[in-house]
Amino acid sequence: MSRPRFNPRGDFPLQRPRAPNPSGMRPPG
């Protein structure tokens, strides 16, 4: 279920606990 559309690095809310985003769609930057 990789979505390289906006996150080619694979930034998901499961692998990136650094982002408090419940959606985890886009990095806080």
Protein backbone atom coordinates (compact mmCIF):
# COMPACT_ATOMS: atom_id res chain seq x y z
CA MET A 1 0.00 0.00 0.00
CA SER A 2 2.80 2.38 -0.90
CA ARG A 3 1.76 5.85 -2.00
CA PRO A 4 4.75 7.40 -3.80
CA ARG A 5 2.44 10.20 -4.99
CA PHE A 6 3.34 12.65 -2.24
CA ASN A 7 5.69 10.58 -0.10
CA PRO A 8 8.31 8.70 -2.13
CA ARG A 9 10.15 7.96 1.11
CA GLY A 10 7.17 6.12 2.47
CA ASP A 11 6.31 8.50 5.30
CA PHE A 12 3.44 6.83 7.09
CA PRO A 13 1.88 7.43 10.52
CA LEU A 14 3.05 3.93 11.40
CA GLN A 15 6.71 4.45 10.52
CA ARG A 16 6.97 8.13 11.42
CA PRO A 17 6.06 8.81 15.06
CA ARG A 18 7.72 12.22 14.67
CA ALA A 19 4.60 13.59 13.01
CA PRO A 20 1.52 14.12 15.20
CA ASN A 21 -0.61 13.92 12.06
CA PRO A 22 -3.42 11.38 12.40
CA SER A 23 -3.63 11.28 8.62
CA GLY A 24 0.07 11.00 7.90
CA MET A 25 -0.46 12.05 4.31
CA ARG A 26 2.01 14.92 4.10
CA PRO A 27 5.12 15.69 6.15
CA PRO A 28 4.87 18.75 8.46
CA GLY A 29 7.24 20.78 6.36
